[in-house]
Amino acid sequence: MFKSFFMNQRWVAWAWAGSVIILAVTWYKVQLDVDINEWFGSFYDTIQKALAEPGSVSMSEYMAELMTFFKIAAIYVAIAVVLDFYTKHFIFRWRTAMNDYYMTHWHVVRHIEGAAQRVQEDTMRFARIMEMLIFTEN
């Protein structure tokens, strides 16, 4: 499975560069999660200050806190959508590489009943498992 994608000359650039890109962007998403958590602390400190001392927080300070969140959230949503698309494309190419590999060995298993369906189901199952591993955030 791995050799057909990561060691095949046709797919090696996609396999290695794609893996690095997915890991790097996932790391960046984690950094955005950290930024959001830090923002929560700052925002609720501002709310607590405003409730403790009425008039101590101006509307511009409050709006600045909200704009900080919107900036982080907008980047996060854009990154998440692009990463989702890219990862699905990456998994599709990996599945294609496995299918190509299995088809080069078709002459060995073609006499087995249901072999074509088994190849299709196994590559699909593997692709779903990889997607779940990549997209599971918690």
Foldseek 3Di string as FASTA:
>chain_A
DCCLACVDPVRVCLVPVVVVVLVVLVVVLVVLVVVVVVLVVVLVVLVVVCVVDPPPDDPVNNVVSVVSVVVSVVVNVVSVVVSLVSLLVSLVVVLVSQVVVVVVVCVVCVVPPCPVVVSVVVSVVVSVVVSCVSPDDD
